[in-house]
Each structure stands twice: as structure tokens, then as C-alpha cells.
Amino acid sequence: MGKEKTIFEKGASAGDMKAKNPDEFGTSFGSQVRYHIDGEVFIFSCARRTFNVNQTLFPSTELLGCLNGERFVLSATVADPIPQASPDLERGGKRIDYEDGWRAAIGLLHPEHPLGANGDWFTGADQGTMSEGVNLIAQGLWPSRTNPPSEQDIRRAEAFRDKRYRRLTDLAFQKAARGSKHLADFLHEHEDVHDAMDALGLSADWHRSNRKVMASCPNCGDAITPGLAFHKSSVTDTLCIIDAERAYRAKAITKAEMEEILTAPMV
């Protein structure tokens, strides 16, 4: 006696399903669709130039830089999570997938970032190439869950930027030693060499100093170098404190004076 065969009932074809459920197979989401966004990830920059990035999740995205002498600027915002239209291979048409906004923001700035389980943006972020547009964290951009960002994150980003500036200027001097043609090619490829020279206070016969853009002191209104923690005010002829903690660490004020400034009520 032969083995009994198992018979499966034939289901509806894809054509039948599409005919009976046309809305499920449509290519348009319709105006009634709404997506829930939990929050935003903020991208800040202390770089002295603007970057244009083109990625799958971020087509033709401009990341604003510090073009007017600011210490840092809000460069862009990223929705969290990010809704992304994807082809539905089972039913046809499109479906919505959601990408984690924090990881997407880090991927925008550094596609090869070694993001660990704790999600730190700065861990290993400076291990990058000198090529423009590959590792923007090494150039002074960073993600933040808060606006404004923390002072700790600002300093980390400034440290990454300045570390790259030092590598950049070291290479520029090496190219200059090899000859003007090598230097000219390097300066053409890395347009921010002069910004790096200015930021590090370096000089060379081939370096044209960029025009220094001044900022307005938030306390007294004096024109000051961006990023100062304190300066001598032309209004009161005394020390004007912008960042009490940094001024204390620089020994410009005492601990008691710092605590008094930090606890004083806003007028």
C-alpha cells in the first residue's frame, strides 16, 4: 500500500488578493496616514564650514557650520524614530519601517562609527580619515539629545576638531617642505587648512589669515572673540564673566566668586 498523500488547499493568488484588497497594494499612503514621532535628535557643529551630505535616509542634507564666528551652531535635527518607506515584498506596494533616530544621526555624521552598546557618539569617533565628508564627528559635529547641548559634549567636539586641525596643519607643513606644487594640491583638497592655522595660532608665508569674525558678549555687549569664558569689559572696566566654571578653572576668579555667580538670580 502506497504512502498516503497530504493535500494542501490552494490559497488565493496574488492577483486575487490585490483585486479584493486594492488599498493594501496601493503605492500611495494617502493623506490620512500620520506617523508618531517620539522626539528629536539635535546635531550641533563647531566646525567652521558647512557640509552637504547625501545618504539614503538623508538625501541632499545640509549641515550648517559656524560661519559667523559662533562657538557652535544647531546644524540640523533628526526625527526619532525616522519613518522610512520600504517596498513590501510580501503584499506589494510600500510599508513604513522605523529607524532609530540616535543611531541614524551618528551614521549621518560617521557612517563607519564603531557604535557600542552604550551608544556613545565620541568613543572611537576620531579614528577616521582626513577625507572630507567621511567622518564629520572628527571635524567637530556631534549628536545631542538636548538643546542646548551639554558643556562636556561641546568640549569633546572642540577637542576632536582641534585634533584634526593639528593633523591637517602638520600635513600642510610637510607638503610645503616637499614643494609648492605638493602644497597647492593639498590646500585645494583641504579648504579648511587656513581655518585650522588661524584656530591654532600658526603662521607661515603661504598662509593667508582669514578675517576674524567677532561675537557680541551676552553680558555687556562688547565685541569679543567667540568662545571666551571671560574678558575685560569696556563698559565697567572690570572682568566680565561669561562662563563662571571655565573662568574659575582658568584661575580668573575664586571658587567663592564662581559659586556666587552660579547661584545669583537672573535680573
C-alpha atoms as a PDB file:
ATOM      1  CA  MET A   1       0.000   0.000   0.000  1.00  0.00           C
ATOM      2  CA  GLY A   2       1.449   3.344  -1.047  1.00  0.00           C
ATOM      3  CA  LYS A   3       2.062   6.237   1.299  1.00  0.00           C
ATOM      4  CA  GLU A   4      -0.960   8.448   1.726  1.00  0.00           C
ATOM      5  CA  LYS A   5      -0.514  11.862   0.139  1.00  0.00           C
ATOM      6  CA  THR A   6      -1.110  15.058   2.038  1.00  0.00           C
ATOM      7  CA  ILE A   7      -3.239  17.500   0.094  1.00  0.00           C
ATOM      8  CA  PHE A   8      -2.956  21.256   0.772  1.00  0.00           C
ATOM      9  CA  GLU A   9      -5.753  23.559  -0.172  1.00  0.00           C
ATOM     10  CA  LYS A  10      -4.702  26.102  -2.770  1.00  0.00           C
ATOM     11  CA  GLY A  11      -4.864  29.651  -1.448  1.00  0.00           C
ATOM     12  CA  ALA A  12      -5.766  32.844  -3.212  1.00  0.00           C
ATOM     13  CA  SER A  13      -3.332  34.072  -5.821  1.00  0.00           C
ATOM     14  CA  ALA A  14      -1.565  37.420  -5.517  1.00  0.00           C
ATOM     15  CA  GLY A  15      -3.842  38.727  -8.253  1.00  0.00           C
ATOM     16  CA  ASP A  16      -6.956  37.679  -6.331  1.00  0.00           C
ATOM     17  CA  MET A  17      -5.661  39.305  -3.138  1.00  0.00           C
ATOM     18  CA  LYS A  18      -4.867  42.521  -4.960  1.00  0.00           C
ATOM     19  CA  ALA A  19      -8.292  42.619  -6.602  1.00  0.00           C
ATOM     20  CA  LYS A  20     -10.095  42.092  -3.272  1.00  0.00           C
ATOM     21  CA  ASN A  21      -7.852  44.434  -1.242  1.00  0.00           C
ATOM     22  CA  PRO A  22      -6.708  47.221  -3.594  1.00  0.00           C
ATOM     23  CA  ASP A  23      -5.898  49.638  -0.766  1.00  0.00           C
ATOM     24  CA  GLU A  24      -3.356  47.245   0.711  1.00  0.00           C
ATOM     25  CA  PHE A  25      -1.483  47.116  -2.592  1.00  0.00           C
ATOM     26  CA  GLY A  26      -1.533  50.805  -3.415  1.00  0.00           C
ATOM     27  CA  THR A  27       1.606  52.833  -3.940  1.00  0.00           C
ATOM     28  CA  SER A  28       0.230  55.928  -2.220  1.00  0.00           C
ATOM     29  CA  PHE A  29      -0.125  56.237   1.565  1.00  0.00           C
ATOM     30  CA  GLY A  30      -2.902  58.780   1.354  1.00  0.00           C
ATOM     31  CA  SER A  31      -3.365  61.967   3.318  1.00  0.00           C
ATOM     32  CA  GLN A  32      -4.947  60.171   6.276  1.00  0.00           C
ATOM     33  CA  VAL A  33      -1.686  58.495   7.328  1.00  0.00           C
ATOM     34  CA  ARG A  34       0.077  60.024  10.323  1.00  0.00           C
ATOM     35  CA  TYR A  35       3.340  58.890  11.912  1.00  0.00           C
ATOM     36  CA  HIS A  36       4.119  59.150  15.586  1.00  0.00           C
ATOM     37  CA  ILE A  37       7.474  60.779  16.309  1.00  0.00           C
ATOM     38  CA  ASP A  38       8.723  60.368  19.876  1.00  0.00           C
ATOM     39  CA  GLY A  39      11.244  63.193  19.757  1.00  0.00           C
ATOM     40  CA  GLU A  40      14.236  64.713  18.011  1.00  0.00           C
ATOM     41  CA  VAL A  41      17.981  64.259  17.923  1.00  0.00           C
ATOM     42  CA  PHE A  42      19.858  67.542  17.566  1.00  0.00           C
ATOM     43  CA  ILE A  43      23.020  67.786  15.503  1.00  0.00           C
ATOM     44  CA  PHE A  44      25.420  70.552  16.516  1.00  0.00           C
ATOM     45  CA  SER A  45      28.603  71.769  14.887  1.00  0.00           C
ATOM     46  CA  CYS A  46      31.694  73.684  15.973  1.00  0.00           C
ATOM     47  CA  ALA A  47      33.247  73.275  12.508  1.00  0.00           C
ATOM     48  CA  ARG A  48      33.945  76.440  10.557  1.00  0.00           C
ATOM     49  CA  ARG A  49      32.307  75.264   7.356  1.00  0.00           C
ATOM     50  CA  THR A  50      29.015  73.796   6.105  1.00  0.00           C
ATOM     51  CA  PHE A  51      28.804  70.218   4.821  1.00  0.00           C
ATOM     52  CA  ASN A  52      26.458  68.690   2.249  1.00  0.00           C
ATOM     53  CA  VAL A  53      25.655  65.011   2.804  1.00  0.00           C
ATOM     54  CA  ASN A  54      23.717  62.627   0.575  1.00  0.00           C
ATOM     55  CA  GLN A  55      22.636  59.344   2.192  1.00  0.00           C
ATOM     56  CA  THR A  56      19.624  57.041   1.858  1.00  0.00           C
ATOM     57  CA  LEU A  57      17.922  58.389   4.982  1.00  0.00           C
ATOM     58  CA  PHE A  58      19.267  61.906   4.450  1.00  0.00           C
ATOM     59  CA  PRO A  59      19.212  62.842   0.766  1.00  0.00           C
ATOM     60  CA  SER A  60      20.740  66.242  -0.059  1.00  0.00           C
ATOM     61  CA  THR A  61      21.139  67.245   3.595  1.00  0.00           C
ATOM     62  CA  GLU A  62      22.946  70.467   4.554  1.00  0.00           C
ATOM     63  CA  LEU A  63      24.769  70.522   7.888  1.00  0.00           C
ATOM     64  CA  LEU A  64      25.312  74.138   8.857  1.00  0.00           C
ATOM     65  CA  GLY A  65      28.692  75.231  10.241  1.00  0.00           C
ATOM     66  CA  CYS A  66      29.932  78.185  12.313  1.00  0.00           C
ATOM     67  CA  LEU A  67      30.112  80.771   9.548  1.00  0.00           C
ATOM     68  CA  ASN A  68      29.814  83.888  11.716  1.00  0.00           C
ATOM     69  CA  GLY A  69      32.292  83.186  14.495  1.00  0.00           C
ATOM     70  CA  GLU A  70      29.917  81.252  16.769  1.00  0.00           C
ATOM     71  CA  ARG A  71      31.316  78.735  19.236  1.00  0.00           C
ATOM     72  CA  PHE A  72      28.765  76.181  17.952  1.00  0.00           C
ATOM     73  CA  VAL A  73      25.515  76.152  15.989  1.00  0.00           C
ATOM     74  CA  LEU A  74      22.476  73.917  15.657  1.00  0.00           C
ATOM     75  CA  SER A  75      23.337  72.232  12.393  1.00  0.00           C
ATOM     76  CA  ALA A  76      20.257  70.032  11.780  1.00  0.00           C
ATOM     77  CA  THR A  77      17.567  67.986  13.546  1.00  0.00           C
ATOM     78  CA  VAL A  78      16.696  64.317  13.086  1.00  0.00           C
ATOM     79  CA  ALA A  79      13.290  62.795  13.866  1.00  0.00           C
ATOM     80  CA  ASP A  80      13.328  59.936  16.376  1.00  0.00           C
ATOM     81  CA  PRO A  81      12.350  57.422  15.167  1.00  0.00           C
ATOM     82  CA  ILE A  82      12.698  58.094  11.433  1.00  0.00           C
ATOM     83  CA  PRO A  83       9.815  56.766   9.276  1.00  0.00           C
ATOM     84  CA  GLN A  84      11.122  55.261   6.056  1.00  0.00           C
ATOM     85  CA  ALA A  85       9.083  53.969   3.111  1.00  0.00           C
ATOM     86  CA  SER A  86      10.217  50.472   2.092  1.00  0.00           C
ATOM     87  CA  PRO A  87       8.941  48.066  -0.596  1.00  0.00           C
ATOM     88  CA  ASP A  88       6.579  45.437   0.771  1.00  0.00           C
ATOM     89  CA  LEU A  89       7.825  42.228  -0.867  1.00  0.00           C
ATOM     90  CA  GLU A  90       5.004  40.118   0.612  1.00  0.00           C
ATOM     91  CA  ARG A  91       1.948  42.133  -0.336  1.00  0.00           C
ATOM     92  CA  GLY A  92       3.293  44.593  -2.877  1.00  0.00           C
ATOM     93  CA  GLY A  93       3.249  48.356  -2.639  1.00  0.00           C
ATOM     94  CA  LYS A  94       5.051  50.051   0.268  1.00  0.00           C
ATOM     95  CA  ARG A  95       5.229  49.794   4.029  1.00  0.00           C
ATOM     96  CA  ILE A  96       6.706  52.002   6.755  1.00  0.00           C
ATOM     97  CA  ASP A  97       9.789  50.921   8.666  1.00  0.00           C
ATOM     98  CA  TYR A  98      11.202  52.898  11.570  1.00  0.00           C
ATOM     99  CA  GLU A  99      14.892  53.655  12.059  1.00  0.00           C
ATOM    100  CA  ASP A 100      16.332  54.599  15.449  1.00  0.00           C
ATOM    101  CA  GLY A 101      16.975  58.358  15.286  1.00  0.00           C
ATOM    102  CA  TRP A 102      20.052  58.311  17.526  1.00  0.00           C
ATOM    103  CA  ARG A 103      21.856  55.637  15.518  1.00  0.00           C
ATOM    104  CA  ALA A 104      20.789  57.261  12.255  1.00  0.00           C
ATOM    105  CA  ALA A 105      22.184  60.637  13.384  1.00  0.00           C
ATOM    106  CA  ILE A 106      25.530  59.056  14.263  1.00  0.00           C
ATOM    107  CA  GLY A 107      25.527  57.232  10.921  1.00  0.00           C
ATOM    108  CA  LEU A 108      24.874  60.539   9.170  1.00  0.00           C
ATOM    109  CA  LEU A 109      27.990  62.036  10.749  1.00  0.00           C
ATOM    110  CA  HIS A 110      30.218  58.945  10.641  1.00  0.00           C
ATOM    111  CA  PRO A 111      28.945  56.004   8.511  1.00  0.00           C
ATOM    112  CA  GLU A 112      31.656  53.679   9.874  1.00  0.00           C
ATOM    113  CA  HIS A 113      31.310  54.709  13.517  1.00  0.00           C
ATOM    114  CA  PRO A 114      32.135  51.855  15.954  1.00  0.00           C
ATOM    115  CA  LEU A 115      28.952  52.469  17.955  1.00  0.00           C
ATOM    116  CA  GLY A 116      28.973  50.325  21.089  1.00  0.00           C
ATOM    117  CA  ALA A 117      26.139  49.061  23.239  1.00  0.00           C
ATOM    118  CA  ASN A 118      26.124  52.236  25.337  1.00  0.00           C
ATOM    119  CA  GLY A 119      25.527  54.398  22.271  1.00  0.00           C
ATOM    120  CA  ASP A 120      28.376  56.855  22.919  1.00  0.00           C
ATOM    121  CA  TRP A 121      28.989  59.078  19.892  1.00  0.00           C
ATOM    122  CA  PHE A 122      32.521  60.031  20.930  1.00  0.00           C
ATOM    123  CA  THR A 123      34.020  56.568  21.557  1.00  0.00           C
ATOM    124  CA  GLY A 124      36.490  55.927  18.740  1.00  0.00           C
ATOM    125  CA  ALA A 125      34.984  58.724  16.653  1.00  0.00           C
ATOM    126  CA  ASP A 126      38.346  60.357  15.961  1.00  0.00           C
ATOM    127  CA  GLN A 127      39.685  57.221  14.291  1.00  0.00           C
ATOM    128  CA  GLY A 128      38.926  58.484  10.816  1.00  0.00           C
ATOM    129  CA  THR A 129      40.340  59.567   7.539  1.00  0.00           C
ATOM    130  CA  MET A 130      41.366  63.072   6.549  1.00  0.00           C
ATOM    131  CA  SER A 131      38.977  62.850   3.588  1.00  0.00           C
ATOM    132  CA  GLU A 132      36.240  65.441   3.600  1.00  0.00           C
ATOM    133  CA  GLY A 133      32.734  64.197   4.290  1.00  0.00           C
ATOM    134  CA  VAL A 134      33.679  60.765   5.651  1.00  0.00           C
ATOM    135  CA  ASN A 135      33.991  61.390   9.383  1.00  0.00           C
ATOM    136  CA  LEU A 136      32.231  64.597  10.325  1.00  0.00           C
ATOM    137  CA  ILE A 137      32.488  63.894  14.071  1.00  0.00           C
ATOM    138  CA  ALA A 138      36.266  64.262  13.720  1.00  0.00           C
ATOM    139  CA  GLN A 139      35.573  67.664  12.171  1.00  0.00           C
ATOM    140  CA  GLY A 140      33.501  68.968  15.072  1.00  0.00           C
ATOM    141  CA  LEU A 141      29.915  67.783  14.530  1.00  0.00           C
ATOM    142  CA  TRP A 142      28.039  65.732  17.111  1.00  0.00           C
ATOM    143  CA  PRO A 143      24.550  64.468  18.042  1.00  0.00           C
ATOM    144  CA  SER A 144      22.758  65.510  21.211  1.00  0.00           C
ATOM    145  CA  ARG A 145      19.517  64.550  22.883  1.00  0.00           C
ATOM    146  CA  THR A 146      19.215  68.049  24.380  1.00  0.00           C
ATOM    147  CA  ASN A 147      19.114  71.579  23.020  1.00  0.00           C
ATOM    148  CA  PRO A 148      21.291  73.306  24.089  1.00  0.00           C
ATOM    149  CA  PRO A 149      23.954  70.580  24.326  1.00  0.00           C
ATOM    150  CA  SER A 150      25.995  69.868  27.438  1.00  0.00           C
ATOM    151  CA  GLU A 151      29.265  71.722  28.030  1.00  0.00           C
ATOM    152  CA  GLN A 152      31.007  68.331  28.195  1.00  0.00           C
ATOM    153  CA  ASP A 153      29.846  67.419  24.692  1.00  0.00           C
ATOM    154  CA  ILE A 154      30.834  70.834  23.317  1.00  0.00           C
ATOM    155  CA  ARG A 155      34.360  70.408  24.659  1.00  0.00           C
ATOM    156  CA  ARG A 156      34.617  66.878  23.286  1.00  0.00           C
ATOM    157  CA  ALA A 157      33.609  68.120  19.847  1.00  0.00           C
ATOM    158  CA  GLU A 158      36.086  71.011  20.054  1.00  0.00           C
ATOM    159  CA  ALA A 159      38.821  68.553  21.044  1.00  0.00           C
ATOM    160  CA  PHE A 160      38.024  66.335  18.022  1.00  0.00           C
ATOM    161  CA  ARG A 161      38.033  69.370  15.731  1.00  0.00           C
ATOM    162  CA  ASP A 162      41.318  70.716  17.106  1.00  0.00           C
ATOM    163  CA  LYS A 163      42.966  67.282  16.945  1.00  0.00           C
ATOM    164  CA  ARG A 164      42.081  67.126  13.275  1.00  0.00           C
ATOM    165  CA  TYR A 165      43.289  70.702  12.802  1.00  0.00           C
ATOM    166  CA  ARG A 166      46.676  69.684  14.219  1.00  0.00           C
ATOM    167  CA  ARG A 167      46.898  66.698  11.866  1.00  0.00           C
ATOM    168  CA  LEU A 168      45.823  68.918   8.994  1.00  0.00           C
ATOM    169  CA  THR A 169      48.405  71.643   9.644  1.00  0.00           C
ATOM    170  CA  ASP A 170      51.184  69.102  10.259  1.00  0.00           C
ATOM    171  CA  LEU A 171      50.494  67.605   6.834  1.00  0.00           C
ATOM    172  CA  ALA A 172      50.356  71.064   5.263  1.00  0.00           C
ATOM    173  CA  PHE A 173      53.845  71.894   6.564  1.00  0.00           C
ATOM    174  CA  GLN A 174      55.093  68.523   5.303  1.00  0.00           C
ATOM    175  CA  LYS A 175      53.668  69.241   1.849  1.00  0.00           C
ATOM    176  CA  ALA A 176      55.215  72.723   1.888  1.00  0.00           C
ATOM    177  CA  ALA A 177      58.626  71.195   2.643  1.00  0.00           C
ATOM    178  CA  ARG A 178      58.297  68.976  -0.435  1.00  0.00           C
ATOM    179  CA  GLY A 179      57.499  71.872  -2.751  1.00  0.00           C
ATOM    180  CA  SER A 180      54.905  74.428  -3.763  1.00  0.00           C
ATOM    181  CA  LYS A 181      53.098  72.025  -6.140  1.00  0.00           C
ATOM    182  CA  HIS A 182      52.524  69.494  -3.323  1.00  0.00           C
ATOM    183  CA  LEU A 183      51.313  72.256  -1.007  1.00  0.00           C
ATOM    184  CA  ALA A 184      48.994  73.785  -3.621  1.00  0.00           C
ATOM    185  CA  ASP A 185      47.364  70.407  -4.291  1.00  0.00           C
ATOM    186  CA  PHE A 186      46.886  69.806  -0.561  1.00  0.00           C
ATOM    187  CA  LEU A 187      45.383  73.258   0.038  1.00  0.00           C
ATOM    188  CA  HIS A 188      42.996  72.720  -2.869  1.00  0.00           C
ATOM    189  CA  GLU A 189      41.863  69.369  -1.439  1.00  0.00           C
ATOM    190  CA  HIS A 190      41.530  70.642   2.160  1.00  0.00           C
ATOM    191  CA  GLU A 191      39.897  74.047   2.037  1.00  0.00           C
ATOM    192  CA  ASP A 192      39.869  74.499   5.819  1.00  0.00           C
ATOM    193  CA  VAL A 193      43.666  74.460   6.264  1.00  0.00           C
ATOM    194  CA  HIS A 194      43.625  78.231   6.734  1.00  0.00           C
ATOM    195  CA  ASP A 195      40.848  77.942   9.324  1.00  0.00           C
ATOM    196  CA  ALA A 196      42.988  75.366  11.131  1.00  0.00           C
ATOM    197  CA  MET A 197      46.032  77.646  11.017  1.00  0.00           C
ATOM    198  CA  ASP A 198      44.023  80.534  12.474  1.00  0.00           C
ATOM    199  CA  ALA A 199      42.424  78.366  15.159  1.00  0.00           C
ATOM    200  CA  LEU A 200      45.810  77.057  16.323  1.00  0.00           C
ATOM    201  CA  GLY A 201      47.526  80.440  16.056  1.00  0.00           C
ATOM    202  CA  LEU A 202      50.044  79.248  13.447  1.00  0.00           C
ATOM    203  CA  SER A 203      51.702  81.345  10.772  1.00  0.00           C
ATOM    204  CA  ALA A 204      53.516  80.612   7.503  1.00  0.00           C
ATOM    205  CA  ASP A 205      54.487  82.539   4.407  1.00  0.00           C
ATOM    206  CA  TRP A 206      51.901  80.598   2.401  1.00  0.00           C
ATOM    207  CA  HIS A 207      49.081  81.150   4.925  1.00  0.00           C
ATOM    208  CA  ARG A 208      46.540  83.881   4.393  1.00  0.00           C
ATOM    209  CA  SER A 209      44.883  84.706   7.681  1.00  0.00           C
ATOM    210  CA  ASN A 210      41.113  84.633   7.426  1.00  0.00           C
ATOM    211  CA  ARG A 211      39.171  87.684   8.565  1.00  0.00           C
ATOM    212  CA  LYS A 212      38.398  87.221  12.246  1.00  0.00           C
ATOM    213  CA  VAL A 213      34.678  87.375  12.948  1.00  0.00           C
ATOM    214  CA  MET A 214      33.806  88.776  16.351  1.00  0.00           C
ATOM    215  CA  ALA A 215      30.863  87.854  18.544  1.00  0.00           C
ATOM    216  CA  SER A 216      28.821  90.013  20.909  1.00  0.00           C
ATOM    217  CA  CYS A 217      29.268  89.408  24.653  1.00  0.00           C
ATOM    218  CA  PRO A 218      25.922  88.215  26.095  1.00  0.00           C
ATOM    219  CA  ASN A 219      26.570  90.224  29.274  1.00  0.00           C
ATOM    220  CA  CYS A 220      27.971  93.617  28.308  1.00  0.00           C
ATOM    221  CA  GLY A 221      27.649  93.644  24.521  1.00  0.00           C
ATOM    222  CA  ASP A 222      31.371  94.104  23.799  1.00  0.00           C
ATOM    223  CA  ALA A 223      32.783  92.646  20.581  1.00  0.00           C
ATOM    224  CA  ILE A 224      34.796  89.605  21.694  1.00  0.00           C
ATOM    225  CA  THR A 225      36.481  86.521  20.270  1.00  0.00           C
ATOM    226  CA  PRO A 226      33.902  83.694  20.112  1.00  0.00           C
ATOM    227  CA  GLY A 227      34.137  81.103  22.888  1.00  0.00           C
ATOM    228  CA  LEU A 228      35.704  83.303  25.587  1.00  0.00           C
ATOM    229  CA  ALA A 229      34.881  82.430  29.199  1.00  0.00           C
ATOM    230  CA  PHE A 230      35.678  85.974  30.407  1.00  0.00           C
ATOM    231  CA  HIS A 231      37.085  89.307  29.220  1.00  0.00           C
ATOM    232  CA  LYS A 232      37.674  92.843  30.422  1.00  0.00           C
ATOM    233  CA  SER A 233      34.516  94.846  29.824  1.00  0.00           C
ATOM    234  CA  SER A 234      34.785  98.266  28.188  1.00  0.00           C
ATOM    235  CA  VAL A 235      31.535  99.208  29.947  1.00  0.00           C
ATOM    236  CA  THR A 236      32.546  98.599  33.567  1.00  0.00           C
ATOM    237  CA  ASP A 237      36.345  98.296  33.113  1.00  0.00           C
ATOM    238  CA  THR A 238      36.157  95.126  35.209  1.00  0.00           C
ATOM    239  CA  LEU A 239      36.252  91.414  34.425  1.00  0.00           C
ATOM    240  CA  CYS A 240      33.095  90.262  32.644  1.00  0.00           C
ATOM    241  CA  ILE A 241      32.409  86.576  33.351  1.00  0.00           C
ATOM    242  CA  ILE A 242      30.586  84.626  30.643  1.00  0.00           C
ATOM    243  CA  ASP A 243      31.281  81.060  31.843  1.00  0.00           C
ATOM    244  CA  ALA A 244      31.940  81.011  35.600  1.00  0.00           C
ATOM    245  CA  GLU A 245      33.175  77.403  35.749  1.00  0.00           C
ATOM    246  CA  ARG A 246      35.703  77.882  32.955  1.00  0.00           C
ATOM    247  CA  ALA A 247      36.798  81.231  34.411  1.00  0.00           C
ATOM    248  CA  TYR A 248      37.399  79.531  37.775  1.00  0.00           C
ATOM    249  CA  ARG A 249      39.405  76.725  36.181  1.00  0.00           C
ATOM    250  CA  ALA A 250      41.489  79.394  34.429  1.00  0.00           C
ATOM    251  CA  LYS A 251      42.035  80.992  37.899  1.00  0.00           C
ATOM    252  CA  ALA A 252      40.492  84.267  36.783  1.00  0.00           C
ATOM    253  CA  ILE A 253      38.064  84.163  39.727  1.00  0.00           C
ATOM    254  CA  THR A 254      37.923  82.404  43.102  1.00  0.00           C
ATOM    255  CA  LYS A 255      35.708  79.439  43.938  1.00  0.00           C
ATOM    256  CA  ALA A 256      33.530  81.667  46.114  1.00  0.00           C
ATOM    257  CA  GLU A 257      33.077  84.119  43.247  1.00  0.00           C
ATOM    258  CA  MET A 258      32.162  81.263  40.898  1.00  0.00           C
ATOM    259  CA  GLU A 259      29.558  79.913  43.320  1.00  0.00           C
ATOM    260  CA  GLU A 260      28.123  83.387  43.812  1.00  0.00           C
ATOM    261  CA  ILE A 261      27.745  83.883  40.050  1.00  0.00           C
ATOM    262  CA  LEU A 262      26.187  80.456  39.541  1.00  0.00           C
ATOM    263  CA  THR A 263      23.629  80.917  42.331  1.00  0.00           C
ATOM    264  CA  ALA A 264      22.794  84.570  41.667  1.00  0.00           C
ATOM    265  CA  PRO A 265      19.171  85.123  40.479  1.00  0.00           C
ATOM    266  CA  MET A 266      18.657  86.326  36.922  1.00  0.00           C
ATOM    267  CA  VAL A 267      17.849  90.041  36.718  1.00  0.00           C
END
